[in-house]
Amino acid sequence: MLRPHSSLNPRPYRDRHKRSAGFLHRIPQHESVLKQLKLTQQLTQQLQPELQAIAERLQQLGTDSLGIGIAVRNSMSSYSAWKQLNWEQVYPKTKIKVSLHIKVKDYGQIES
């Protein structure tokens, strides 16, 4: 997939990244790094399949809510090449792989 073109990112990339922020409360900062890594792994393992299922469901519905078409269009050499692609027919057949990387900014208290 492609990361969209913007004024801060003048070149399209082969990965599509979406950022999201959230808060986890009650995880003490003095807890071991091992517990923090375990928590991050658990979050990734739980959320990855859910986000993959959402992306596949959007694809089944023919809805490009993630903006993948915009990223593909911006990566193409010309608008006429985009028009020839016929995204409405290509999108449902496109393989989408969700890759999740979680970075917890601050930890509160981890309860076992």
PDB file of N, CA and C in Angstrom:
ATOM      1  N   MET A   1       0.826  -1.175   0.000  1.00  0.00           N
ATOM      2  CA  MET A   1       0.000   0.000   0.000  1.00  0.00           C
ATOM      3  C   MET A   1       0.877   1.248   0.000  1.00  0.00           C
ATOM      4  N   LEU A   2       0.248   2.380  -0.121  1.00  0.00           N
ATOM      5  CA  LEU A   2       1.002   3.614  -0.284  1.00  0.00           C
ATOM      6  C   LEU A   2       0.635   4.635   0.769  1.00  0.00           C
ATOM      7  N   ARG A   3       1.598   5.406   1.187  1.00  0.00           N
ATOM      8  CA  ARG A   3       1.344   6.539   2.057  1.00  0.00           C
ATOM      9  C   ARG A   3       1.069   7.732   1.158  1.00  0.00           C
ATOM     10  N   PRO A   4       0.034   8.521   1.456  1.00  0.00           N
ATOM     11  CA  PRO A   4      -0.341   9.609   0.549  1.00  0.00           C
ATOM     12  C   PRO A   4       0.697  10.722   0.481  1.00  0.00           C
ATOM     13  N   HIS A   5       0.652  11.423  -0.613  1.00  0.00           N
ATOM     14  CA  HIS A   5       1.514  12.565  -0.869  1.00  0.00           C
ATOM     15  C   HIS A   5       0.973  13.764  -0.085  1.00  0.00           C
ATOM     16  N   SER A   6       1.852  14.541   0.488  1.00  0.00           N
ATOM     17  CA  SER A   6       1.441  15.765   1.166  1.00  0.00           C
ATOM     18  C   SER A   6       2.589  16.759   1.076  1.00  0.00           C
ATOM     19  N   SER A   7       2.352  17.969   1.554  1.00  0.00           N
ATOM     20  CA  SER A   7       3.409  18.975   1.517  1.00  0.00           C
ATOM     21  C   SER A   7       4.563  18.583   2.439  1.00  0.00           C
ATOM     22  N   LEU A   8       4.266  17.846   3.516  1.00  0.00           N
ATOM     23  CA  LEU A   8       5.325  17.394   4.410  1.00  0.00           C
ATOM     24  C   LEU A   8       5.992  16.123   3.895  1.00  0.00           C
ATOM     25  N   ASN A   9       5.298  15.401   3.051  1.00  0.00           N
ATOM     26  CA  ASN A   9       5.795  14.137   2.528  1.00  0.00           C
ATOM     27  C   ASN A   9       5.663  14.180   1.004  1.00  0.00           C
ATOM     28  N   PRO A  10       6.618  14.768   0.291  1.00  0.00           N
ATOM     29  CA  PRO A  10       6.454  14.996  -1.138  1.00  0.00           C
ATOM     30  C   PRO A  10       6.487  13.730  -1.992  1.00  0.00           C
ATOM     31  N   ARG A  11       6.961  12.606  -1.449  1.00  0.00           N
ATOM     32  CA  ARG A  11       7.027  11.381  -2.246  1.00  0.00           C
ATOM     33  C   ARG A  11       6.095  10.332  -1.663  1.00  0.00           C
ATOM     34  N   PRO A  12       5.365   9.621  -2.496  1.00  0.00           N
ATOM     35  CA  PRO A  12       4.525   8.537  -1.977  1.00  0.00           C
ATOM     36  C   PRO A  12       5.384   7.356  -1.552  1.00  0.00           C
ATOM     37  N   TYR A  13       4.951   6.641  -0.539  1.00  0.00           N
ATOM     38  CA  TYR A  13       5.666   5.472  -0.041  1.00  0.00           C
ATOM     39  C   TYR A  13       4.828   4.221  -0.278  1.00  0.00           C
ATOM     40  N   ARG A  14       5.445   3.065  -0.128  1.00  0.00           N
ATOM     41  CA  ARG A  14       4.783   1.796  -0.377  1.00  0.00           C
ATOM     42  C   ARG A  14       3.986   1.290   0.819  1.00  0.00           C
ATOM     43  N   ASP A  15       3.949   2.012   1.918  1.00  0.00           N
ATOM     44  CA  ASP A  15       3.181   1.608   3.082  1.00  0.00           C
ATOM     45  C   ASP A  15       2.129   2.661   3.371  1.00  0.00           C
ATOM     46  N   ARG A  16       1.022   2.207   3.884  1.00  0.00           N
ATOM     47  CA  ARG A  16      -0.059   3.115   4.266  1.00  0.00           C
ATOM     48  C   ARG A  16      -0.089   3.144   5.784  1.00  0.00           C
ATOM     49  N   HIS A  17       0.135   4.309   6.374  1.00  0.00           N
ATOM     50  CA  HIS A  17       0.183   4.413   7.817  1.00  0.00           C
ATOM     51  C   HIS A  17      -0.941   5.311   8.308  1.00  0.00           C
ATOM     52  N   LYS A  18      -1.607   4.870   9.328  1.00  0.00           N
ATOM     53  CA  LYS A  18      -2.602   5.690  10.006  1.00  0.00           C
ATOM     54  C   LYS A  18      -2.159   5.804  11.451  1.00  0.00           C
ATOM     55  N   ARG A  19      -2.239   6.977  12.013  1.00  0.00           N
ATOM     56  CA  ARG A  19      -1.857   7.177  13.403  1.00  0.00           C
ATOM     57  C   ARG A  19      -3.113   7.302  14.244  1.00  0.00           C
ATOM     58  N   SER A  20      -3.024   6.759  15.415  1.00  0.00           N
ATOM     59  CA  SER A  20      -4.116   6.843  16.362  1.00  0.00           C
ATOM     60  C   SER A  20      -3.515   7.019  17.747  1.00  0.00           C
ATOM     61  N   ALA A  21      -4.205   7.712  18.596  1.00  0.00           N
ATOM     62  CA  ALA A  21      -3.708   7.923  19.946  1.00  0.00           C
ATOM     63  C   ALA A  21      -4.763   7.485  20.944  1.00  0.00           C
ATOM     64  N   GLY A  22      -4.314   6.999  22.066  1.00  0.00           N
ATOM     65  CA  GLY A  22      -5.224   6.584  23.116  1.00  0.00           C
ATOM     66  C   GLY A  22      -4.513   6.647  24.445  1.00  0.00           C
ATOM     67  N   PHE A  23      -5.236   6.390  25.499  1.00  0.00           N
ATOM     68  CA  PHE A  23      -4.667   6.457  26.825  1.00  0.00           C
ATOM     69  C   PHE A  23      -4.916   5.158  27.565  1.00  0.00           C
ATOM     70  N   LEU A  24      -3.908   4.679  28.263  1.00  0.00           N
ATOM     71  CA  LEU A  24      -4.026   3.540  29.161  1.00  0.00           C
ATOM     72  C   LEU A  24      -3.746   4.077  30.560  1.00  0.00           C
ATOM     73  N   HIS A  25      -4.669   3.853  31.468  1.00  0.00           N
ATOM     74  CA  HIS A  25      -4.513   4.374  32.818  1.00  0.00           C
ATOM     75  C   HIS A  25      -4.143   3.243  33.774  1.00  0.00           C
ATOM     76  N   ARG A  26      -3.582   3.580  34.882  1.00  0.00           N
ATOM     77  CA  ARG A  26      -3.255   2.670  35.977  1.00  0.00           C
ATOM     78  C   ARG A  26      -2.090   1.734  35.670  1.00  0.00           C
ATOM     79  N   ILE A  27      -1.054   2.212  35.011  1.00  0.00           N
ATOM     80  CA  ILE A  27       0.146   1.423  34.770  1.00  0.00           C
ATOM     81  C   ILE A  27       1.323   2.187  35.359  1.00  0.00           C
ATOM     82  N   PRO A  28       1.905   1.728  36.482  1.00  0.00           N
ATOM     83  CA  PRO A  28       2.973   2.508  37.125  1.00  0.00           C
ATOM     84  C   PRO A  28       4.233   2.571  36.288  1.00  0.00           C
ATOM     85  N   GLN A  29       4.898   3.689  36.350  1.00  0.00           N
ATOM     86  CA  GLN A  29       6.101   3.882  35.562  1.00  0.00           C
ATOM     87  C   GLN A  29       7.271   3.083  36.102  1.00  0.00           C
ATOM     88  N   HIS A  30       7.216   2.609  37.330  1.00  0.00           N
ATOM     89  CA  HIS A  30       8.321   1.845  37.901  1.00  0.00           C
ATOM     90  C   HIS A  30       8.215   0.346  37.591  1.00  0.00           C
ATOM     91  N   GLU A  31       7.170  -0.085  36.939  1.00  0.00           N
ATOM     92  CA  GLU A  31       7.016  -1.505  36.589  1.00  0.00           C
ATOM     93  C   GLU A  31       8.090  -1.905  35.593  1.00  0.00           C
ATOM     94  N   SER A  32       8.349  -3.188  35.553  1.00  0.00           N
ATOM     95  CA  SER A  32       9.426  -3.693  34.701  1.00  0.00           C
ATOM     96  C   SER A  32       9.111  -3.480  33.227  1.00  0.00           C
ATOM     97  N   VAL A  33      10.150  -3.364  32.457  1.00  0.00           N
ATOM     98  CA  VAL A  33      10.027  -3.217  31.013  1.00  0.00           C
ATOM     99  C   VAL A  33       9.366  -4.452  30.418  1.00  0.00           C
ATOM    100  N   LEU A  34       9.616  -5.603  31.029  1.00  0.00           N
ATOM    101  CA  LEU A  34       9.026  -6.853  30.546  1.00  0.00           C
ATOM    102  C   LEU A  34       7.500  -6.800  30.578  1.00  0.00           C
ATOM    103  N   LYS A  35       6.930  -6.267  31.662  1.00  0.00           N
ATOM    104  CA  LYS A  35       5.471  -6.142  31.749  1.00  0.00           C
ATOM    105  C   LYS A  35       4.953  -5.156  30.698  1.00  0.00           C
ATOM    106  N   GLN A  36       5.698  -4.108  30.461  1.00  0.00           N
ATOM    107  CA  GLN A  36       5.291  -3.117  29.462  1.00  0.00           C
ATOM    108  C   GLN A  36       5.317  -3.726  28.070  1.00  0.00           C
ATOM    109  N   LEU A  37       6.357  -4.500  27.762  1.00  0.00           N
ATOM    110  CA  LEU A  37       6.436  -5.156  26.456  1.00  0.00           C
ATOM    111  C   LEU A  37       5.326  -6.182  26.286  1.00  0.00           C
ATOM    112  N   LYS A  38       5.022  -6.902  27.362  1.00  0.00           N
ATOM    113  CA  LYS A  38       3.948  -7.898  27.315  1.00  0.00           C
ATOM    114  C   LYS A  38       2.608  -7.216  27.032  1.00  0.00           C
ATOM    115  N   LEU A  39       2.363  -6.097  27.675  1.00  0.00           N
ATOM    116  CA  LEU A  39       1.131  -5.345  27.449  1.00  0.00           C
ATOM    117  C   LEU A  39       1.036  -4.887  25.994  1.00  0.00           C
ATOM    118  N   THR A  40       2.130  -4.373  25.468  1.00  0.00           N
ATOM    119  CA  THR A  40       2.157  -3.918  24.076  1.00  0.00           C
ATOM    120  C   THR A  40       1.889  -5.080  23.126  1.00  0.00           C
ATOM    121  N   GLN A  41       2.483  -6.241  23.390  1.00  0.00           N
ATOM    122  CA  GLN A  41       2.242  -7.425  22.552  1.00  0.00           C
ATOM    123  C   GLN A  41       0.790  -7.858  22.616  1.00  0.00           C
ATOM    124  N   GLN A  42       0.210  -7.848  23.820  1.00  0.00           N
ATOM    125  CA  GLN A  42      -1.187  -8.245  23.971  1.00  0.00           C
ATOM    126  C   GLN A  42      -2.114  -7.309  23.212  1.00  0.00           C
ATOM    127  N   LEU A  43      -1.844  -6.019  23.288  1.00  0.00           N
ATOM    128  CA  LEU A  43      -2.652  -5.048  22.547  1.00  0.00           C
ATOM    129  C   LEU A  43      -2.553  -5.288  21.046  1.00  0.00           C
ATOM    130  N   THR A  44      -1.346  -5.528  20.569  1.00  0.00           N
ATOM    131  CA  THR A  44      -1.135  -5.774  19.149  1.00  0.00           C
ATOM    132  C   THR A  44      -1.863  -7.039  18.706  1.00  0.00           C
ATOM    133  N   GLN A  45      -1.724  -8.107  19.475  1.00  0.00           N
ATOM    134  CA  GLN A  45      -2.365  -9.373  19.121  1.00  0.00           C
ATOM    135  C   GLN A  45      -3.881  -9.263  19.121  1.00  0.00           C
ATOM    136  N   GLN A  46      -4.427  -8.438  19.986  1.00  0.00           N
ATOM    137  CA  GLN A  46      -5.876  -8.285  20.048  1.00  0.00           C
ATOM    138  C   GLN A  46      -6.398  -7.365  18.943  1.00  0.00           C
ATOM    139  N   LEU A  47      -5.703  -6.279  18.692  1.00  0.00           N
ATOM    140  CA  LEU A  47      -6.201  -5.283  17.749  1.00  0.00           C
ATOM    141  C   LEU A  47      -5.919  -5.625  16.287  1.00  0.00           C
ATOM    142  N   GLN A  48      -4.811  -6.296  15.998  1.00  0.00           N
ATOM    143  CA  GLN A  48      -4.423  -6.601  14.613  1.00  0.00           C
ATOM    144  C   GLN A  48      -5.538  -7.324  13.840  1.00  0.00           C
ATOM    145  N   PRO A  49      -6.064  -8.448  14.360  1.00  0.00           N
ATOM    146  CA  PRO A  49      -7.122  -9.135  13.607  1.00  0.00           C
ATOM    147  C   PRO A  49      -8.398  -8.309  13.474  1.00  0.00           C
ATOM    148  N   GLU A  50      -8.701  -7.525  14.499  1.00  0.00           N
ATOM    149  CA  GLU A  50      -9.903  -6.688  14.439  1.00  0.00           C
ATOM    150  C   GLU A  50      -9.769  -5.626  13.341  1.00  0.00           C
ATOM    151  N   LEU A  51      -8.607  -4.996  13.269  1.00  0.00           N
ATOM    152  CA  LEU A  51      -8.390  -3.972  12.241  1.00  0.00           C
ATOM    153  C   LEU A  51      -8.330  -4.589  10.844  1.00  0.00           C
ATOM    154  N   GLN A  52      -7.765  -5.785  10.728  1.00  0.00           N
ATOM    155  CA  GLN A  52      -7.735  -6.490   9.444  1.00  0.00           C
ATOM    156  C   GLN A  52      -9.163  -6.799   8.993  1.00  0.00           C
ATOM    157  N   ALA A  53     -10.003  -7.257   9.918  1.00  0.00           N
ATOM    158  CA  ALA A  53     -11.398  -7.566   9.599  1.00  0.00           C
ATOM    159  C   ALA A  53     -12.161  -6.311   9.167  1.00  0.00           C
ATOM    160  N   ILE A  54     -11.884  -5.193   9.809  1.00  0.00           N
ATOM    161  CA  ILE A  54     -12.534  -3.930   9.424  1.00  0.00           C
ATOM    162  C   ILE A  54     -12.127  -3.544   8.003  1.00  0.00           C
ATOM    163  N   ALA A  55     -10.842  -3.640   7.697  1.00  0.00           N
ATOM    164  CA  ALA A  55     -10.362  -3.294   6.355  1.00  0.00           C
ATOM    165  C   ALA A  55     -11.003  -4.207   5.309  1.00  0.00           C
ATOM    166  N   GLU A  56     -11.102  -5.501   5.603  1.00  0.00           N
ATOM    167  CA  GLU A  56     -11.712  -6.439   4.657  1.00  0.00           C
ATOM    168  C   GLU A  56     -13.206  -6.174   4.493  1.00  0.00           C
ATOM    169  N   ARG A  57     -13.885  -5.825   5.577  1.00  0.00           N
ATOM    170  CA  ARG A  57     -15.320  -5.530   5.503  1.00  0.00           C
ATOM    171  C   ARG A  57     -15.567  -4.271   4.666  1.00  0.00           C
ATOM    172  N   LEU A  58     -14.744  -3.250   4.864  1.00  0.00           N
ATOM    173  CA  LEU A  58     -14.868  -2.039   4.052  1.00  0.00           C
ATOM    174  C   LEU A  58     -14.680  -2.370   2.576  1.00  0.00           C
ATOM    175  N   GLN A  59     -13.761  -3.257   2.305  1.00  0.00           N
ATOM    176  CA  GLN A  59     -13.496  -3.668   0.931  1.00  0.00           C
ATOM    177  C   GLN A  59     -14.701  -4.407   0.343  1.00  0.00           C
ATOM    178  N   GLN A  60     -15.302  -5.289   1.130  1.00  0.00           N
ATOM    179  CA  GLN A  60     -16.495  -6.017   0.677  1.00  0.00           C
ATOM    180  C   GLN A  60     -17.641  -5.055   0.357  1.00  0.00           C
ATOM    181  N   LEU A  61     -17.740  -4.008   1.149  1.00  0.00           N
ATOM    182  CA  LEU A  61     -18.793  -3.011   0.942  1.00  0.00           C
ATOM    183  C   LEU A  61     -18.464  -2.039  -0.188  1.00  0.00           C
ATOM    184  N   GLY A  62     -17.230  -2.100  -0.685  1.00  0.00           N
ATOM    185  CA  GLY A  62     -16.814  -1.188  -1.752  1.00  0.00           C
ATOM    186  C   GLY A  62     -16.570   0.218  -1.258  1.00  0.00           C
ATOM    187  N   THR A  63     -16.283   0.355   0.026  1.00  0.00           N
ATOM    188  CA  THR A  63     -16.073   1.654   0.645  1.00  0.00           C
ATOM    189  C   THR A  63     -14.595   1.849   0.950  1.00  0.00           C
ATOM    190  N   ASP A  64     -14.006   2.878   0.399  1.00  0.00           N
ATOM    191  CA  ASP A  64     -12.585   3.158   0.611  1.00  0.00           C
ATOM    192  C   ASP A  64     -12.431   4.241   1.675  1.00  0.00           C
ATOM    193  N   SER A  65     -12.902   3.955   2.879  1.00  0.00           N
ATOM    194  CA  SER A  65     -12.842   4.926   3.977  1.00  0.00           C
ATOM    195  C   SER A  65     -11.430   5.171   4.467  1.00  0.00           C
ATOM    196  N   LEU A  66     -10.512   4.269   4.170  1.00  0.00           N
ATOM    197  CA  LEU A  66      -9.127   4.434   4.605  1.00  0.00           C
ATOM    198  C   LEU A  66      -8.323   5.317   3.663  1.00  0.00           C
ATOM    199  N   GLY A  67      -8.879   5.669   2.519  1.00  0.00           N
ATOM    200  CA  GLY A  67      -8.192   6.558   1.588  1.00  0.00           C
ATOM    201  C   GLY A  67      -7.100   5.891   0.776  1.00  0.00           C
ATOM    202  N   ILE A  68      -7.215   4.593   0.582  1.00  0.00           N
ATOM    203  CA  ILE A  68      -6.206   3.862  -0.179  1.00  0.00           C
ATOM    204  C   ILE A  68      -6.199   4.327  -1.636  1.00  0.00           C
ATOM    205  N   GLY A  69      -7.360   4.581  -2.195  1.00  0.00           N
ATOM    206  CA  GLY A  69      -7.455   5.053  -3.578  1.00  0.00           C
ATOM    207  C   GLY A  69      -6.738   6.372  -3.796  1.00  0.00           C
ATOM    208  N   ILE A  70      -6.834   7.271  -2.836  1.00  0.00           N
ATOM    209  CA  ILE A  70      -6.144   8.559  -2.938  1.00  0.00           C
ATOM    210  C   ILE A  70      -4.636   8.340  -2.966  1.00  0.00           C
ATOM    211  N   ALA A  71      -4.163   7.444  -2.106  1.00  0.00           N
ATOM    212  CA  ALA A  71      -2.726   7.159  -2.059  1.00  0.00           C
ATOM    213  C   ALA A  71      -2.261   6.536  -3.370  1.00  0.00           C
ATOM    214  N   VAL A  72      -3.059   5.632  -3.916  1.00  0.00           N
ATOM    215  CA  VAL A  72      -2.698   5.002  -5.193  1.00  0.00           C
ATOM    216  C   VAL A  72      -2.697   6.043  -6.304  1.00  0.00           C
ATOM    217  N   ARG A  73      -3.737   6.881  -6.354  1.00  0.00           N
ATOM    218  CA  ARG A  73      -3.812   7.927  -7.379  1.00  0.00           C
ATOM    219  C   ARG A  73      -2.616   8.862  -7.305  1.00  0.00           C
ATOM    220  N   ASN A  74      -2.240   9.269  -6.096  1.00  0.00           N
ATOM    221  CA  ASN A  74      -1.110  10.182  -5.934  1.00  0.00           C
ATOM    222  C   ASN A  74       0.223   9.550  -6.311  1.00  0.00           C
ATOM    223  N   SER A  75       0.292   8.228  -6.287  1.00  0.00           N
ATOM    224  CA  SER A  75       1.545   7.557  -6.631  1.00  0.00           C
ATOM    225  C   SER A  75       1.677   7.306  -8.136  1.00  0.00           C
ATOM    226  N   MET A  76       0.606   7.502  -8.876  1.00  0.00           N
ATOM    227  CA  MET A  76       0.632   7.215 -10.308  1.00  0.00           C
ATOM    228  C   MET A  76       1.249   8.382 -11.084  1.00  0.00           C
ATOM    229  N   SER A  77       1.767   8.051 -12.245  1.00  0.00           N
ATOM    230  CA  SER A  77       2.492   9.044 -13.048  1.00  0.00           C
ATOM    231  C   SER A  77       1.584  10.112 -13.645  1.00  0.00           C
ATOM    232  N   SER A  78       0.327   9.757 -13.913  1.00  0.00           N
ATOM    233  CA  SER A  78      -0.574  10.741 -14.516  1.00  0.00           C
ATOM    234  C   SER A  78      -2.023  10.436 -14.136  1.00  0.00           C
ATOM    235  N   TYR A  79      -2.859  11.455 -14.280  1.00  0.00           N
ATOM    236  CA  TYR A  79      -4.276  11.287 -13.985  1.00  0.00           C
ATOM    237  C   TYR A  79      -4.925  10.331 -14.973  1.00  0.00           C
ATOM    238  N   SER A  80      -4.481  10.352 -16.212  1.00  0.00           N
ATOM    239  CA  SER A  80      -5.058   9.435 -17.209  1.00  0.00           C
ATOM    240  C   SER A  80      -4.750   7.978 -16.855  1.00  0.00           C
ATOM    241  N   ALA A  81      -3.576   7.725 -16.290  1.00  0.00           N
ATOM    242  CA  ALA A  81      -3.243   6.362 -15.845  1.00  0.00           C
ATOM    243  C   ALA A  81      -4.191   5.942 -14.714  1.00  0.00           C
ATOM    244  N   TRP A  82      -4.522   6.889 -13.836  1.00  0.00           N
ATOM    245  CA  TRP A  82      -5.474   6.616 -12.754  1.00  0.00           C
ATOM    246  C   TRP A  82      -6.841   6.283 -13.317  1.00  0.00           C
ATOM    247  N   LYS A  83      -7.293   7.037 -14.297  1.00  0.00           N
ATOM    248  CA  LYS A  83      -8.599   6.793 -14.911  1.00  0.00           C
ATOM    249  C   LYS A  83      -8.638   5.424 -15.590  1.00  0.00           C
ATOM    250  N   GLN A  84      -7.549   5.024 -16.224  1.00  0.00           N
ATOM    251  CA  GLN A  84      -7.491   3.721 -16.890  1.00  0.00           C
ATOM    252  C   GLN A  84      -7.493   2.569 -15.884  1.00  0.00           C
ATOM    253  N   LEU A  85      -7.055   2.822 -14.665  1.00  0.00           N
ATOM    254  CA  LEU A  85      -6.989   1.782 -13.637  1.00  0.00           C
ATOM    255  C   LEU A  85      -8.376   1.266 -13.257  1.00  0.00           C
ATOM    256  N   ASN A  86      -9.385   2.130 -13.264  1.00  0.00           N
ATOM    257  CA  ASN A  86     -10.750   1.791 -12.864  1.00  0.00           C
ATOM    258  C   ASN A  86     -10.765   1.262 -11.429  1.00  0.00           C
ATOM    259  N   TRP A  87     -10.462   2.144 -10.500  1.00  0.00           N
ATOM    260  CA  TRP A  87     -10.307   1.805  -9.095  1.00  0.00           C
ATOM    261  C   TRP A  87     -11.525   1.098  -8.505  1.00  0.00           C
ATOM    262  N   GLU A  88     -12.712   1.427  -8.939  1.00  0.00           N
ATOM    263  CA  GLU A  88     -13.921   0.804  -8.392  1.00  0.00           C
ATOM    264  C   GLU A  88     -13.916  -0.703  -8.598  1.00  0.00           C
ATOM    265  N   GLN A  89     -13.317  -1.171  -9.689  1.00  0.00           N
ATOM    266  CA  GLN A  89     -13.243  -2.614  -9.946  1.00  0.00           C
ATOM    267  C   GLN A  89     -11.990  -3.229  -9.333  1.00  0.00           C
ATOM    268  N   VAL A  90     -10.914  -2.472  -9.253  1.00  0.00           N
ATOM    269  CA  VAL A  90      -9.652  -2.989  -8.726  1.00  0.00           C
ATOM    270  C   VAL A  90      -9.684  -3.078  -7.199  1.00  0.00           C
ATOM    271  N   TYR A  91     -10.301  -2.100  -6.544  1.00  0.00           N
ATOM    272  CA  TYR A  91     -10.289  -2.018  -5.086  1.00  0.00           C
ATOM    273  C   TYR A  91     -10.793  -3.286  -4.388  1.00  0.00           C
ATOM    274  N   PRO A  92     -11.927  -3.848  -4.766  1.00  0.00           N
ATOM    275  CA  PRO A  92     -12.388  -5.056  -4.062  1.00  0.00           C
ATOM    276  C   PRO A  92     -11.437  -6.249  -4.194  1.00  0.00           C
ATOM    277  N   LYS A  93     -10.602  -6.268  -5.223  1.00  0.00           N
ATOM    278  CA  LYS A  93      -9.675  -7.382  -5.451  1.00  0.00           C
ATOM    279  C   LYS A  93      -8.281  -7.123  -4.891  1.00  0.00           C
ATOM    280  N   THR A  94      -8.039  -5.907  -4.405  1.00  0.00           N
ATOM    281  CA  THR A  94      -6.727  -5.526  -3.904  1.00  0.00           C
ATOM    282  C   THR A  94      -6.465  -6.191  -2.563  1.00  0.00           C
ATOM    283  N   LYS A  95      -5.274  -6.758  -2.397  1.00  0.00           N
ATOM    284  CA  LYS A  95      -4.908  -7.374  -1.119  1.00  0.00           C
ATOM    285  C   LYS A  95      -4.470  -6.278  -0.161  1.00  0.00           C
ATOM    286  N   ILE A  96      -5.129  -6.223   0.980  1.00  0.00           N
ATOM    287  CA  ILE A  96      -4.811  -5.234   2.003  1.00  0.00           C
ATOM    288  C   ILE A  96      -4.306  -5.983   3.229  1.00  0.00           C
ATOM    289  N   LYS A  97      -3.131  -5.611   3.690  1.00  0.00           N
ATOM    290  CA  LYS A  97      -2.562  -6.208   4.894  1.00  0.00           C
ATOM    291  C   LYS A  97      -2.381  -5.114   5.934  1.00  0.00           C
ATOM    292  N   VAL A  98      -3.053  -5.274   7.054  1.00  0.00           N
ATOM    293  CA  VAL A  98      -2.948  -4.306   8.130  1.00  0.00           C
ATOM    294  C   VAL A  98      -1.733  -4.655   8.974  1.00  0.00           C
ATOM    295  N   SER A  99      -0.886  -3.676   9.181  1.00  0.00           N
ATOM    296  CA  SER A  99       0.296  -3.837  10.018  1.00  0.00           C
ATOM    297  C   SER A  99       0.178  -2.851  11.164  1.00  0.00           C
ATOM    298  N   LEU A 100       0.238  -3.366  12.374  1.00  0.00           N
ATOM    299  CA  LEU A 100       0.000  -2.540  13.551  1.00  0.00           C
ATOM    300  C   LEU A 100       1.274  -2.436  14.375  1.00  0.00           C
ATOM    301  N   HIS A 101       1.658  -1.218  14.690  1.00  0.00           N
ATOM    302  CA  HIS A 101       2.817  -0.952  15.549  1.00  0.00           C
ATOM    303  C   HIS A 101       2.337  -0.041  16.670  1.00  0.00           C
ATOM    304  N   ILE A 102       2.334  -0.566  17.871  1.00  0.00           N
ATOM    305  CA  ILE A 102       1.853   0.191  19.018  1.00  0.00           C
ATOM    306  C   ILE A 102       3.039   0.733  19.795  1.00  0.00           C
ATOM    307  N   LYS A 103       2.958   1.996  20.117  1.00  0.00           N
ATOM    308  CA  LYS A 103       3.975   2.624  20.954  1.00  0.00           C
ATOM    309  C   LYS A 103       3.240   3.323  22.090  1.00  0.00           C
ATOM    310  N   VAL A 104       3.416   2.810  23.284  1.00  0.00           N
ATOM    311  CA  VAL A 104       2.773   3.401  24.447  1.00  0.00           C
ATOM    312  C   VAL A 104       3.668   4.531  24.937  1.00  0.00           C
ATOM    313  N   LYS A 105       3.110   5.711  24.971  1.00  0.00           N
ATOM    314  CA  LYS A 105       3.897   6.892  25.342  1.00  0.00           C
ATOM    315  C   LYS A 105       4.183   6.936  26.841  1.00  0.00           C
ATOM    316  N   ASP A 106       3.167   6.743  27.641  1.00  0.00           N
ATOM    317  CA  ASP A 106       3.312   6.779  29.092  1.00  0.00           C
ATOM    318  C   ASP A 106       2.544   5.603  29.691  1.00  0.00           C
ATOM    319  N   TYR A 107       3.114   5.014  30.722  1.00  0.00           N
ATOM    320  CA  TYR A 107       2.461   3.908  31.415  1.00  0.00           C
ATOM    321  C   TYR A 107       1.952   4.395  32.758  1.00  0.00           C
ATOM    322  N   GLY A 108       0.834   3.857  33.155  1.00  0.00           N
ATOM    323  CA  GLY A 108       0.292   4.137  34.484  1.00  0.00           C
ATOM    324  C   GLY A 108       0.566   2.939  35.373  1.00  0.00           C
ATOM    325  N   GLN A 109      -0.470   2.300  35.917  1.00  0.00           N
ATOM    326  CA  GLN A 109      -0.308   1.162  36.821  1.00  0.00           C
ATOM    327  C   GLN A 109      -0.740  -0.114  36.116  1.00  0.00           C
ATOM    328  N   ILE A 110       0.137  -1.126  36.062  1.00  0.00           N
ATOM    329  CA  ILE A 110      -0.200  -2.421  35.460  1.00  0.00           C
ATOM    330  C   ILE A 110      -0.712  -3.319  36.567  1.00  0.00           C
ATOM    331  N   GLU A 111      -1.930  -3.826  36.396  1.00  0.00           N
ATOM    332  CA  GLU A 111      -2.512  -4.751  37.369  1.00  0.00           C
ATOM    333  C   GLU A 111      -2.434  -6.141  36.774  1.00  0.00           C
ATOM    334  N   SER A 112      -1.868  -7.084  37.512  1.00  0.00           N
ATOM    335  CA  SER A 112      -1.686  -8.461  37.017  1.00  0.00           C
ATOM    336  C   SER A 112      -2.965  -9.251  37.124  1.00  0.00           C
TER     337      SER A 112
END
